Amino acid sequence: MAIRVQEAASVRLDEIYRYTRDRWGEAQADTYITGLFAAFEQIETRGVRSRPVAAEFGVEGYFFRYQQHFVYWRRLANGDIGIVTILHERMHQMDRFKEDDTA
C-alpha cells in the first residue's frame, strides 16, 4: 500500500505551505506539512479517524480533520490510498472537493 498525492492535493499542499510560511515562518510551515504527511501514513492503520463522504454529494471517498484542514482521500483501484485534496475548514467543502476530484 502506498500513499499517492494526486495533482489537486499537491497544489493544495503548495498553497498551504506558502500561506503558513508567509504568515508564521518556514519552521512552522515545515512542521505543518510534515504533520499532514504523518497523518496520511496513518490512514491505513486507522490512526486517523476517517469518515465516508455523504452519499448525497455524489462523490466516493473519505475524509478526516487535521488541525485546520480536511483531508479527502479514496482507495485507488490498485489498493493504494489516493489523497484527493486538502481543504481549509472555512472553504465550502463539497464544491471544492468536486472541483479537485475532477482535476
C-alpha atoms as a PDB file:
ATOM      1  CA  MET A   1       0.000   0.000   0.000  1.00  0.00           C
ATOM      2  CA  ALA A   2       1.337   3.392  -0.973  1.00  0.00           C
ATOM      3  CA  ILE A   3       0.120   6.934  -0.485  1.00  0.00           C
ATOM      4  CA  ARG A   4      -0.446   8.736  -3.792  1.00  0.00           C
ATOM      5  CA  VAL A   5      -0.813  12.517  -3.558  1.00  0.00           C
ATOM      6  CA  GLN A   6      -2.957  13.404  -6.537  1.00  0.00           C
ATOM      7  CA  GLU A   7      -2.452  16.583  -8.550  1.00  0.00           C
ATOM      8  CA  ALA A   8      -5.086  18.743  -6.848  1.00  0.00           C
ATOM      9  CA  ALA A   9      -3.820  17.703  -3.410  1.00  0.00           C
ATOM     10  CA  SER A  10      -0.266  18.570  -4.444  1.00  0.00           C
ATOM     11  CA  VAL A  11      -1.401  22.057  -5.471  1.00  0.00           C
ATOM     12  CA  ARG A  12      -3.216  22.461  -2.134  1.00  0.00           C
ATOM     13  CA  LEU A  13      -0.120  21.346  -0.217  1.00  0.00           C
ATOM     14  CA  ASP A  14       1.930  24.007  -2.001  1.00  0.00           C
ATOM     15  CA  GLU A  15      -0.704  26.647  -1.163  1.00  0.00           C
ATOM     16  CA  ILE A  16      -0.815  25.576   2.485  1.00  0.00           C
ATOM     17  CA  TYR A  17       2.971  25.640   2.730  1.00  0.00           C
ATOM     18  CA  ARG A  18       3.297  29.109   1.182  1.00  0.00           C
ATOM     19  CA  TYR A  19       0.491  30.605   3.277  1.00  0.00           C
ATOM     20  CA  THR A  20       1.857  29.138   6.518  1.00  0.00           C
ATOM     21  CA  ARG A  21       5.429  30.169   5.692  1.00  0.00           C
ATOM     22  CA  ASP A  22       4.394  33.736   4.832  1.00  0.00           C
ATOM     23  CA  ARG A  23       2.213  34.049   7.925  1.00  0.00           C
ATOM     24  CA  TRP A  24       4.138  32.141  10.612  1.00  0.00           C
ATOM     25  CA  GLY A  25       7.569  31.326   9.192  1.00  0.00           C
ATOM     26  CA  GLU A  26       9.370  28.492   7.468  1.00  0.00           C
ATOM     27  CA  ALA A  27       9.770  26.334  10.590  1.00  0.00           C
ATOM     28  CA  GLN A  28       6.016  26.332  11.238  1.00  0.00           C
ATOM     29  CA  ALA A  29       5.275  25.587   7.568  1.00  0.00           C
ATOM     30  CA  ASP A  30       7.677  22.629   7.645  1.00  0.00           C
ATOM     31  CA  THR A  31       6.084  21.337  10.867  1.00  0.00           C
ATOM     32  CA  TYR A  32       2.549  21.594   9.488  1.00  0.00           C
ATOM     33  CA  ILE A  33       3.325  19.863   6.183  1.00  0.00           C
ATOM     34  CA  THR A  34       5.316  17.137   7.960  1.00  0.00           C
ATOM     35  CA  GLY A  35       2.317  16.590  10.232  1.00  0.00           C
ATOM     36  CA  LEU A  36      -0.006  16.274   7.257  1.00  0.00           C
ATOM     37  CA  PHE A  37       2.203  13.616   5.678  1.00  0.00           C
ATOM     38  CA  ALA A  38       2.396  11.757   9.001  1.00  0.00           C
ATOM     39  CA  ALA A  39      -1.424  11.794   9.104  1.00  0.00           C
ATOM     40  CA  PHE A  40      -1.568  10.397   5.544  1.00  0.00           C
ATOM     41  CA  GLU A  41       0.571   7.480   6.699  1.00  0.00           C
ATOM     42  CA  GLN A  42      -1.919   6.721   9.496  1.00  0.00           C
ATOM     43  CA  ILE A  43      -4.894   6.223   7.161  1.00  0.00           C
ATOM     44  CA  GLU A  44      -4.214   2.517   6.603  1.00  0.00           C
ATOM     45  CA  THR A  45      -3.764   1.747  10.311  1.00  0.00           C
ATOM     46  CA  ARG A  46      -6.786   3.868  11.230  1.00  0.00           C
ATOM     47  CA  GLY A  47      -4.576   6.143  13.291  1.00  0.00           C
ATOM     48  CA  VAL A  48      -6.720   8.972  11.957  1.00  0.00           C
ATOM     49  CA  ARG A  49     -10.495   8.762  12.215  1.00  0.00           C
ATOM     50  CA  SER A  50     -11.835   8.867   8.664  1.00  0.00           C
ATOM     51  CA  ARG A  51     -15.488   9.171   7.808  1.00  0.00           C
ATOM     52  CA  PRO A  52     -17.158   8.452   4.471  1.00  0.00           C
ATOM     53  CA  VAL A  53     -18.218  11.395   2.339  1.00  0.00           C
ATOM     54  CA  ALA A  54     -22.019  11.519   2.474  1.00  0.00           C
ATOM     55  CA  ALA A  55     -23.629   9.691  -0.476  1.00  0.00           C
ATOM     56  CA  GLU A  56     -25.841  12.642  -1.378  1.00  0.00           C
ATOM     57  CA  PHE A  57     -22.777  14.559  -2.504  1.00  0.00           C
ATOM     58  CA  GLY A  58     -22.230  12.068  -5.305  1.00  0.00           C
ATOM     59  CA  VAL A  59     -18.525  11.537  -4.677  1.00  0.00           C
ATOM     60  CA  GLU A  60     -16.778   8.459  -3.404  1.00  0.00           C
ATOM     61  CA  GLY A  61     -14.233   8.774  -0.655  1.00  0.00           C
ATOM     62  CA  TYR A  62     -13.404   9.511   2.938  1.00  0.00           C
ATOM     63  CA  PHE A  63     -12.194  12.462   4.939  1.00  0.00           C
ATOM     64  CA  PHE A  64     -10.567  13.323   8.245  1.00  0.00           C
ATOM     65  CA  ARG A  65      -9.650  16.521  10.004  1.00  0.00           C
ATOM     66  CA  TYR A  66      -6.052  17.587  10.512  1.00  0.00           C
ATOM     67  CA  GLN A  67      -5.902  20.769  12.587  1.00  0.00           C
ATOM     68  CA  GLN A  68      -7.444  23.496  10.371  1.00  0.00           C
ATOM     69  CA  HIS A  69      -7.860  21.302   7.272  1.00  0.00           C
ATOM     70  CA  PHE A  70      -9.933  18.417   5.995  1.00  0.00           C
ATOM     71  CA  VAL A  71      -8.074  15.719   4.065  1.00  0.00           C
ATOM     72  CA  TYR A  72     -10.110  13.901   1.403  1.00  0.00           C
ATOM     73  CA  TRP A  73      -8.920  10.529   0.187  1.00  0.00           C
ATOM     74  CA  ARG A  74     -10.074   7.378  -1.567  1.00  0.00           C
ATOM     75  CA  ARG A  75      -8.896   3.838  -2.089  1.00  0.00           C
ATOM     76  CA  LEU A  76      -7.460   3.502  -5.603  1.00  0.00           C
ATOM     77  CA  ALA A  77      -8.124   0.511  -7.882  1.00  0.00           C
ATOM     78  CA  ASN A  78      -4.699  -0.975  -7.080  1.00  0.00           C
ATOM     79  CA  GLY A  79      -5.306  -0.715  -3.309  1.00  0.00           C
ATOM     80  CA  ASP A  80      -3.169   2.379  -2.770  1.00  0.00           C
ATOM     81  CA  ILE A  81      -4.535   5.423  -0.980  1.00  0.00           C
ATOM     82  CA  GLY A  82      -5.087   8.497  -3.125  1.00  0.00           C
ATOM     83  CA  ILE A  83      -5.050  11.866  -1.378  1.00  0.00           C
ATOM     84  CA  VAL A  84      -7.616  13.757  -3.463  1.00  0.00           C
ATOM     85  CA  THR A  85      -7.418  17.185  -1.866  1.00  0.00           C
ATOM     86  CA  ILE A  86      -6.809  19.091   1.363  1.00  0.00           C
ATOM     87  CA  LEU A  87      -9.233  21.906   2.148  1.00  0.00           C
ATOM     88  CA  HIS A  88      -9.233  24.563   4.841  1.00  0.00           C
ATOM     89  CA  GLU A  89     -12.117  24.354   7.275  1.00  0.00           C
ATOM     90  CA  ARG A  90     -13.506  27.685   6.038  1.00  0.00           C
ATOM     91  CA  MET A  91     -13.771  26.556   2.408  1.00  0.00           C
ATOM     92  CA  HIS A  92     -17.049  25.240   1.001  1.00  0.00           C
ATOM     93  CA  GLN A  93     -16.046  21.612   1.245  1.00  0.00           C
ATOM     94  CA  MET A  94     -18.191  19.772  -1.286  1.00  0.00           C
ATOM     95  CA  ASP A  95     -17.899  22.349  -4.075  1.00  0.00           C
ATOM     96  CA  ARG A  96     -14.111  22.390  -3.732  1.00  0.00           C
ATOM     97  CA  PHE A  97     -13.890  18.622  -3.378  1.00  0.00           C
ATOM     98  CA  LYS A  98     -15.867  18.118  -6.591  1.00  0.00           C
ATOM     99  CA  GLU A  99     -13.635  20.658  -8.398  1.00  0.00           C
ATOM    100  CA  ASP A 100     -10.439  18.981  -7.190  1.00  0.00           C
ATOM    101  CA  ASP A 101     -11.788  15.464  -7.770  1.00  0.00           C
ATOM    102  CA  THR A 102     -12.201  16.140 -11.480  1.00  0.00           C
ATOM    103  CA  ALA A 103      -8.783  17.783 -11.865  1.00  0.00           C
END
